[in-house]
C-alpha atoms as a PDB file:
ATOM      1  CA  UNK A   1     -11.451  -8.711  19.699  1.00  0.00           C
ATOM      2  CA  UNK A   2      -9.328  -6.459  17.270  1.00  0.00           C
ATOM      3  CA  UNK A   3      -9.161  -2.756  17.970  1.00  0.00           C
ATOM      4  CA  UNK A   4      -9.319  -0.249  15.489  1.00  0.00           C
ATOM      5  CA  UNK A   5      -8.291   3.690  16.194  1.00  0.00           C
ATOM      6  CA  UNK A   6      -7.993   6.735  13.297  1.00  0.00           C
ATOM      7  CA  UNK A   7      -6.192   9.533  13.622  1.00  0.00           C
ATOM      8  CA  UNK A   8      -5.493  12.782  11.409  1.00  0.00           C
ATOM      9  CA  UNK A   9      -3.161  14.635   9.980  1.00  0.00           C
ATOM     10  CA  UNK A  10      -2.404  17.833   8.515  1.00  0.00           C
ATOM     11  CA  UNK A  11      -5.778  19.827   8.495  1.00  0.00           C
ATOM     12  CA  UNK A  12      -7.650  16.667   7.565  1.00  0.00           C
ATOM     13  CA  UNK A  13     -11.101  17.265   7.752  1.00  0.00           C
ATOM     14  CA  UNK A  14     -13.145  14.944  10.075  1.00  0.00           C
ATOM     15  CA  UNK A  15     -15.941  13.206   8.167  1.00  0.00           C
ATOM     16  CA  UNK A  16     -17.852 -13.499   4.260  1.00  0.00           C
ATOM     17  CA  UNK A  17     -14.830 -13.967   2.435  1.00  0.00           C
ATOM     18  CA  UNK A  18     -16.219 -13.979  -0.658  1.00  0.00           C
ATOM     19  CA  UNK A  19     -15.017 -17.023  -3.814  1.00  0.00           C
ATOM     20  CA  UNK A  20     -11.966 -15.456  -5.438  1.00  0.00           C
ATOM     21  CA  UNK A  21     -12.914 -13.395  -8.905  1.00  0.00           C
ATOM     22  CA  UNK A  22     -12.352 -10.996 -11.916  1.00  0.00           C
ATOM     23  CA  UNK A  23     -15.456  -9.110 -10.987  1.00  0.00           C
ATOM     24  CA  UNK A  24     -12.889  -6.216 -10.192  1.00  0.00           C
ATOM     25  CA  UNK A  25      -9.668  -5.813 -12.441  1.00  0.00           C
ATOM     26  CA  UNK A  26      -7.947  -2.728 -13.942  1.00  0.00           C
ATOM     27  CA  UNK A  27      -3.950  -2.948 -13.786  1.00  0.00           C
ATOM     28  CA  UNK A  28      -2.022  -4.228 -11.224  1.00  0.00           C
ATOM     29  CA  UNK A  29       1.801  -4.283 -10.429  1.00  0.00           C
ATOM     30  CA  UNK A  30       3.731  -6.564  -7.999  1.00  0.00           C
ATOM     31  CA  UNK A  31       7.317  -6.363  -7.560  1.00  0.00           C
ATOM     32  CA  UNK A  32       9.773  -8.593  -5.098  1.00  0.00           C
ATOM     33  CA  UNK A  33      12.126  -7.079  -2.881  1.00  0.00           C
ATOM     34  CA  UNK A  34      14.530 -10.324  -2.836  1.00  0.00           C
ATOM     35  CA  UNK A  35      15.041 -13.081  -5.451  1.00  0.00           C
ATOM     36  CA  UNK A  36      15.327 -16.060  -3.045  1.00  0.00           C
ATOM     37  CA  UNK A  37      13.331 -15.247   0.406  1.00  0.00           C
ATOM     38  CA  UNK A  38       9.719 -16.056  -1.057  1.00  0.00           C
ATOM     39  CA  UNK A  39       9.149 -12.646  -1.689  1.00  0.00           C
ATOM     40  CA  UNK A  40       7.925 -13.275  -5.376  1.00  0.00           C
ATOM     41  CA  UNK A  41       5.260 -15.667  -3.952  1.00  0.00           C
ATOM     42  CA  UNK A  42       4.202 -13.276  -1.351  1.00  0.00           C
ATOM     43  CA  UNK A  43       3.375 -10.964  -4.359  1.00  0.00           C
ATOM     44  CA  UNK A  44       1.874 -13.709  -7.046  1.00  0.00           C
ATOM     45  CA  UNK A  45      -0.379 -14.625  -4.341  1.00  0.00           C
ATOM     46  CA  UNK A  46      -2.176 -11.520  -4.986  1.00  0.00           C
ATOM     47  CA  UNK A  47      -1.988 -10.796  -8.387  1.00  0.00           C
ATOM     48  CA  UNK A  48      -3.438 -14.410  -9.372  1.00  0.00           C
ATOM     49  CA  UNK A  49      -6.807 -12.611  -8.493  1.00  0.00           C
ATOM     50  CA  UNK A  50      -6.381 -10.723 -11.256  1.00  0.00           C
ATOM     51  CA  UNK A  51      -5.109 -10.419 -14.751  1.00  0.00           C
ATOM     52  CA  UNK A  52      -2.453  -8.435 -13.871  1.00  0.00           C
ATOM     53  CA  UNK A  53      -0.216  -6.566 -15.977  1.00  0.00           C
ATOM     54  CA  UNK A  54       3.548  -6.188 -14.363  1.00  0.00           C
ATOM     55  CA  UNK A  55       5.169  -8.469 -11.902  1.00  0.00           C
ATOM     56  CA  UNK A  56       9.111  -7.535 -10.995  1.00  0.00           C
ATOM     57  CA  UNK A  57      11.585  -8.050  -9.350  1.00  0.00           C
ATOM     58  CA  UNK A  58      11.891  -4.599  -7.618  1.00  0.00           C
ATOM     59  CA  UNK A  59      14.322  -1.782  -8.690  1.00  0.00           C
ATOM     60  CA  UNK A  60      14.477   1.536  -7.217  1.00  0.00           C
ATOM     61  CA  UNK A  61      13.578   3.281 -10.540  1.00  0.00           C
ATOM     62  CA  UNK A  62      10.281   1.348 -10.549  1.00  0.00           C
ATOM     63  CA  UNK A  63       9.539   3.851  -7.314  1.00  0.00           C
ATOM     64  CA  UNK A  64      11.116   6.869  -8.158  1.00  0.00           C
ATOM     65  CA  UNK A  65      12.464   8.776 -12.005  1.00  0.00           C
ATOM     66  CA  UNK A  66      10.419   5.505 -13.894  1.00  0.00           C
ATOM     67  CA  UNK A  67       7.516   5.422 -11.604  1.00  0.00           C
ATOM     68  CA  UNK A  68       5.451   6.293 -14.677  1.00  0.00           C
ATOM     69  CA  UNK A  69       5.680   3.402 -16.389  1.00  0.00           C
ATOM     70  CA  UNK A  70       5.704   0.878 -13.390  1.00  0.00           C
ATOM     71  CA  UNK A  71       4.055   1.539  -9.984  1.00  0.00           C
ATOM     72  CA  UNK A  72       1.866   4.601 -11.292  1.00  0.00           C
ATOM     73  CA  UNK A  73       1.305   3.028 -14.333  1.00  0.00           C
ATOM     74  CA  UNK A  74      -1.172   0.218 -11.851  1.00  0.00           C
ATOM     75  CA  UNK A  75      -4.034   1.086 -10.892  1.00  0.00           C
ATOM     76  CA  UNK A  76      -2.831  -1.135  -7.708  1.00  0.00           C
ATOM     77  CA  UNK A  77       0.578  -2.277  -6.470  1.00  0.00           C
ATOM     78  CA  UNK A  78       1.982  -4.363  -4.255  1.00  0.00           C
ATOM     79  CA  UNK A  79       5.363  -4.657  -2.816  1.00  0.00           C
ATOM     80  CA  UNK A  80       6.923  -7.836  -0.925  1.00  0.00           C
ATOM     81  CA  UNK A  81      10.234  -7.269   0.624  1.00  0.00           C
ATOM     82  CA  UNK A  82      12.294  -5.924   3.812  1.00  0.00           C
ATOM     83  CA  UNK A  83      10.951  -2.189   4.802  1.00  0.00           C
ATOM     84  CA  UNK A  84      11.792  -0.191   7.529  1.00  0.00           C
ATOM     85  CA  UNK A  85       9.798   3.414   8.210  1.00  0.00           C
ATOM     86  CA  UNK A  86       8.765   4.847   5.090  1.00  0.00           C
ATOM     87  CA  UNK A  87      11.270   2.628   3.349  1.00  0.00           C
ATOM     88  CA  UNK A  88      11.902  -0.350   0.981  1.00  0.00           C
ATOM     89  CA  UNK A  89      14.728  -2.319   0.037  1.00  0.00           C
ATOM     90  CA  UNK A  90      14.907  -4.058  -3.785  1.00  0.00           C
ATOM     91  CA  UNK A  91      17.747  -5.653  -5.325  1.00  0.00           C
ATOM     92  CA  UNK A  92      19.801  -2.398  -5.829  1.00  0.00           C
ATOM     93  CA  UNK A  93      18.741  -0.756  -3.049  1.00  0.00           C
ATOM     94  CA  UNK A  94      16.507   1.087  -0.730  1.00  0.00           C
ATOM     95  CA  UNK A  95      14.021   3.590  -1.485  1.00  0.00           C
ATOM     96  CA  UNK A  96      13.109   6.848   0.954  1.00  0.00           C
ATOM     97  CA  UNK A  97       9.515   6.994   0.510  1.00  0.00           C
ATOM     98  CA  UNK A  98       9.640  10.303   1.896  1.00  0.00           C
ATOM     99  CA  UNK A  99      11.530  11.733  -1.180  1.00  0.00           C
ATOM    100  CA  UNK A 100      10.156   9.159  -3.797  1.00  0.00           C
ATOM    101  CA  UNK A 101       8.334  11.245  -5.470  1.00  0.00           C
ATOM    102  CA  UNK A 102      10.602  14.429  -5.819  1.00  0.00           C
ATOM    103  CA  UNK A 103      11.429  13.242  -8.961  1.00  0.00           C
ATOM    104  CA  UNK A 104      10.529  14.619 -12.597  1.00  0.00           C
ATOM    105  CA  UNK A 105       7.654  11.996 -12.641  1.00  0.00           C
ATOM    106  CA  UNK A 106       6.165  13.102  -8.974  1.00  0.00           C
ATOM    107  CA  UNK A 107       4.433  10.627  -6.955  1.00  0.00           C
ATOM    108  CA  UNK A 108       2.236   8.239  -6.945  1.00  0.00           C
ATOM    109  CA  UNK A 109      -1.202   8.970  -8.079  1.00  0.00           C
ATOM    110  CA  UNK A 110      -0.045  11.996 -11.159  1.00  0.00           C
ATOM    111  CA  UNK A 111      -0.473   9.379 -13.777  1.00  0.00           C
ATOM    112  CA  UNK A 112      -2.781   6.236 -12.475  1.00  0.00           C
ATOM    113  CA  UNK A 113      -2.025   4.263  -9.139  1.00  0.00           C
ATOM    114  CA  UNK A 114      -4.672   4.307  -6.421  1.00  0.00           C
ATOM    115  CA  UNK A 115      -3.525   1.953  -4.056  1.00  0.00           C
ATOM    116  CA  UNK A 116      -0.511   0.441  -3.169  1.00  0.00           C
ATOM    117  CA  UNK A 117       0.510  -2.297  -0.333  1.00  0.00           C
ATOM    118  CA  UNK A 118       3.945  -2.525   0.860  1.00  0.00           C
ATOM    119  CA  UNK A 119       3.908  -6.491   2.659  1.00  0.00           C
ATOM    120  CA  UNK A 120       6.771  -5.068   5.342  1.00  0.00           C
ATOM    121  CA  UNK A 121       8.013  -4.574   8.211  1.00  0.00           C
ATOM    122  CA  UNK A 122       7.514  -0.759   9.629  1.00  0.00           C
ATOM    123  CA  UNK A 123       6.730   0.848   6.276  1.00  0.00           C
ATOM    124  CA  UNK A 124       3.358   2.877   7.576  1.00  0.00           C
ATOM    125  CA  UNK A 125       4.562   3.789  10.467  1.00  0.00           C
ATOM    126  CA  UNK A 126       1.303   4.925  13.009  1.00  0.00           C
ATOM    127  CA  UNK A 127       1.251   7.193  15.799  1.00  0.00           C
ATOM    128  CA  UNK A 128       2.194   4.897  18.012  1.00  0.00           C
ATOM    129  CA  UNK A 129       5.591   4.860  16.812  1.00  0.00           C
ATOM    130  CA  UNK A 130       5.752   8.568  15.892  1.00  0.00           C
ATOM    131  CA  UNK A 131       3.321  11.277  16.546  1.00  0.00           C
ATOM    132  CA  UNK A 132       4.457  12.843  13.217  1.00  0.00           C
ATOM    133  CA  UNK A 133       3.017   9.544  10.761  1.00  0.00           C
ATOM    134  CA  UNK A 134       1.883  11.710   8.099  1.00  0.00           C
ATOM    135  CA  UNK A 135       4.540  14.751   6.704  1.00  0.00           C
ATOM    136  CA  UNK A 136       7.001  12.147   5.570  1.00  0.00           C
ATOM    137  CA  UNK A 137       4.558  11.021   2.959  1.00  0.00           C
ATOM    138  CA  UNK A 138       3.553  14.721   1.665  1.00  0.00           C
ATOM    139  CA  UNK A 139       6.967  16.101   2.773  1.00  0.00           C
ATOM    140  CA  UNK A 140       7.923  17.252  -0.875  1.00  0.00           C
ATOM    141  CA  UNK A 141       5.406  19.453  -3.605  1.00  0.00           C
ATOM    142  CA  UNK A 142       5.809  16.165  -4.908  1.00  0.00           C
ATOM    143  CA  UNK A 143       5.268  13.656  -1.795  1.00  0.00           C
ATOM    144  CA  UNK A 144       4.166  10.249  -2.922  1.00  0.00           C
ATOM    145  CA  UNK A 145       0.665  11.288  -1.987  1.00  0.00           C
ATOM    146  CA  UNK A 146       0.078  13.364  -5.370  1.00  0.00           C
ATOM    147  CA  UNK A 147      -3.291  11.844  -6.183  1.00  0.00           C
ATOM    148  CA  UNK A 148      -2.309   8.191  -4.737  1.00  0.00           C
ATOM    149  CA  UNK A 149      -5.842   6.929  -2.592  1.00  0.00           C
ATOM    150  CA  UNK A 150      -4.632   4.808   0.156  1.00  0.00           C
ATOM    151  CA  UNK A 151      -1.362   3.387   1.181  1.00  0.00           C
ATOM    152  CA  UNK A 152      -1.632  -0.294   2.692  1.00  0.00           C
ATOM    153  CA  UNK A 153       1.401  -1.499   5.304  1.00  0.00           C
ATOM    154  CA  UNK A 154       2.371  -2.445   8.803  1.00  0.00           C
ATOM    155  CA  UNK A 155       3.347  -0.582  11.476  1.00  0.00           C
ATOM    156  CA  UNK A 156       5.159  -4.036  13.490  1.00  0.00           C
ATOM    157  CA  UNK A 157       6.797  -6.823  12.006  1.00  0.00           C
ATOM    158  CA  UNK A 158       5.284  -8.500   9.059  1.00  0.00           C
ATOM    159  CA  UNK A 159       6.236 -12.343   8.614  1.00  0.00           C
ATOM    160  CA  UNK A 160       7.652 -14.265   6.156  1.00  0.00           C
ATOM    161  CA  UNK A 161       5.627 -17.058   7.854  1.00  0.00           C
ATOM    162  CA  UNK A 162       1.933 -15.380   6.939  1.00  0.00           C
ATOM    163  CA  UNK A 163       2.742 -13.006   4.244  1.00  0.00           C
ATOM    164  CA  UNK A 164       2.092 -15.507   1.319  1.00  0.00           C
ATOM    165  CA  UNK A 165      -1.573 -16.362   3.032  1.00  0.00           C
ATOM    166  CA  UNK A 166      -2.193 -13.033   3.810  1.00  0.00           C
ATOM    167  CA  UNK A 167      -1.762 -11.597   0.424  1.00  0.00           C
ATOM    168  CA  UNK A 168      -3.734 -14.456  -0.852  1.00  0.00           C
ATOM    169  CA  UNK A 169      -6.533 -13.652   1.258  1.00  0.00           C
ATOM    170  CA  UNK A 170      -6.235  -9.881   0.544  1.00  0.00           C
ATOM    171  CA  UNK A 171      -6.308 -10.181  -3.000  1.00  0.00           C
ATOM    172  CA  UNK A 172      -9.529 -12.642  -2.928  1.00  0.00           C
ATOM    173  CA  UNK A 173     -11.444  -9.758  -0.994  1.00  0.00           C
ATOM    174  CA  UNK A 174     -10.070  -6.419  -2.990  1.00  0.00           C
ATOM    175  CA  UNK A 175     -11.372  -8.720  -6.716  1.00  0.00           C
ATOM    176  CA  UNK A 176     -14.613  -8.846  -4.790  1.00  0.00           C
ATOM    177  CA  UNK A 177     -14.691  -5.591  -4.560  1.00  0.00           C
ATOM    178  CA  UNK A 178     -14.998  -4.828  -0.509  1.00  0.00           C
ATOM    179  CA  UNK A 179     -13.160  -2.349   0.823  1.00  0.00           C
ATOM    180  CA  UNK A 180      -9.649  -1.541   0.833  1.00  0.00           C
ATOM    181  CA  UNK A 181      -8.319  -0.754   3.874  1.00  0.00           C
ATOM    182  CA  UNK A 182     -10.193  -2.641   5.761  1.00  0.00           C
ATOM    183  CA  UNK A 183      -9.914  -6.188   3.479  1.00  0.00           C
ATOM    184  CA  UNK A 184      -6.350  -5.282   4.267  1.00  0.00           C
ATOM    185  CA  UNK A 185      -6.786  -5.503   8.636  1.00  0.00           C
ATOM    186  CA  UNK A 186      -8.967  -8.743   7.750  1.00  0.00           C
ATOM    187  CA  UNK A 187      -6.539 -10.556   6.287  1.00  0.00           C
ATOM    188  CA  UNK A 188      -4.267  -9.544   8.721  1.00  0.00           C
ATOM    189  CA  UNK A 189      -6.778 -10.407  11.321  1.00  0.00           C
ATOM    190  CA  UNK A 190      -7.629 -13.874   9.497  1.00  0.00           C
ATOM    191  CA  UNK A 191      -3.886 -15.061   8.184  1.00  0.00           C
ATOM    192  CA  UNK A 192      -1.378 -13.121  10.148  1.00  0.00           C
ATOM    193  CA  UNK A 193      -0.117 -13.719  13.407  1.00  0.00           C
ATOM    194  CA  UNK A 194      -1.645 -12.024  16.464  1.00  0.00           C
ATOM    195  CA  UNK A 195       2.116  -9.479  16.572  1.00  0.00           C
ATOM    196  CA  UNK A 196       1.570  -8.333  12.965  1.00  0.00           C
ATOM    197  CA  UNK A 197      -0.863  -4.966  13.115  1.00  0.00           C
ATOM    198  CA  UNK A 198      -1.488  -3.483   9.882  1.00  0.00           C
ATOM    199  CA  UNK A 199      -1.797   0.413   9.074  1.00  0.00           C
ATOM    200  CA  UNK A 200      -3.157   2.578   5.829  1.00  0.00           C
ATOM    201  CA  UNK A 201      -2.698   6.028   5.312  1.00  0.00           C
ATOM    202  CA  UNK A 202      -5.224   7.668   2.725  1.00  0.00           C
ATOM    203  CA  UNK A 203      -6.974  10.727   1.685  1.00  0.00           C
ATOM    204  CA  UNK A 204      -9.811  11.561   3.853  1.00  0.00           C
ATOM    205  CA  UNK A 205     -12.319  11.403   0.424  1.00  0.00           C
ATOM    206  CA  UNK A 206     -10.996   8.184   0.069  1.00  0.00           C
ATOM    207  CA  UNK A 207     -11.745   6.389   3.452  1.00  0.00           C
ATOM    208  CA  UNK A 208     -14.674   4.537   1.495  1.00  0.00           C
ATOM    209  CA  UNK A 209     -12.731   2.930  -1.183  1.00  0.00           C
ATOM    210  CA  UNK A 210     -12.888  -0.250  -3.015  1.00  0.00           C
ATOM    211  CA  UNK A 211     -11.445  -1.458  -5.707  1.00  0.00           C
ATOM    212  CA  UNK A 212     -14.454  -1.453  -7.863  1.00  0.00           C
ATOM    213  CA  UNK A 213     -15.636   2.168  -7.151  1.00  0.00           C
ATOM    214  CA  UNK A 214     -13.484   4.862  -5.257  1.00  0.00           C
ATOM    215  CA  UNK A 215     -13.176   8.536  -5.559  1.00  0.00           C
ATOM    216  CA  UNK A 216     -11.727  10.726  -7.665  1.00  0.00           C
ATOM    217  CA  UNK A 217      -8.258  11.858  -7.041  1.00  0.00           C
ATOM    218  CA  UNK A 218      -6.915  13.724  -4.641  1.00  0.00           C
ATOM    219  CA  UNK A 219      -5.461  17.053  -5.666  1.00  0.00           C
ATOM    220  CA  UNK A 220      -1.574  17.379  -5.784  1.00  0.00           C
ATOM    221  CA  UNK A 221       0.591  18.687  -3.237  1.00  0.00           C
ATOM    222  CA  UNK A 222      -2.322  18.327  -0.279  1.00  0.00           C
ATOM    223  CA  UNK A 223      -1.144  18.021   3.338  1.00  0.00           C
ATOM    224  CA  UNK A 224      -4.679  15.768   4.342  1.00  0.00           C
ATOM    225  CA  UNK A 225      -3.748  12.589   5.260  1.00  0.00           C
ATOM    226  CA  UNK A 226      -5.618  10.109   7.478  1.00  0.00           C
ATOM    227  CA  UNK A 227      -4.752   6.739   9.119  1.00  0.00           C
ATOM    228  CA  UNK A 228      -6.650   3.781  10.652  1.00  0.00           C
ATOM    229  CA  UNK A 229      -4.419   1.102  12.357  1.00  0.00           C
ATOM    230  CA  UNK A 230      -4.535  -2.037  14.263  1.00  0.00           C
ATOM    231  CA  UNK A 231      -3.356  -1.898  18.260  1.00  0.00           C
END
């Protein structure tokens, strides 16, 4: 049986797969980190469940100074490519997510983004890897969680051999209105390898969000985060 854990950081308060459909469809964007490793297909296998608006190779500007026209212009953004702790790599280099929000366009959620998923190794670190799993998400006055509800990823290696199946299963569940982080874990359980373990950081108020029904945006510059992770 898969096990989950919950962790709280920075003063947070405790508190059957459906057929693919377009029941839930707002604005979706996908960003592939490489041109020749199948990451475009990984992204597309999520986007195909929606009438998506953006489908690009990933460049630094999309996640930093130009995020209001890319990642933060979408309700749901997904990245597939190489990664590390709080870090993703695109065609023109890497983005440190710990500082990505410290630009004039602020972090994600200050405009529109509710959910971001990273189909990448290690990006969403858990307490297993480091006790301080939370501060880099909110380390600056304009941190990544500047209104963002949830960030999904892996705290382990993710494997290209299963990534495409994971995002397909995940996209179908999200479009059908299932819980966001729960659908991420369900997709990894169903289609991932046993060594792949998911993680999901969120504002505590957004724990129960679905794509069909989610809470109001968290306040900007908050320092309250919650993490669920598989182990």
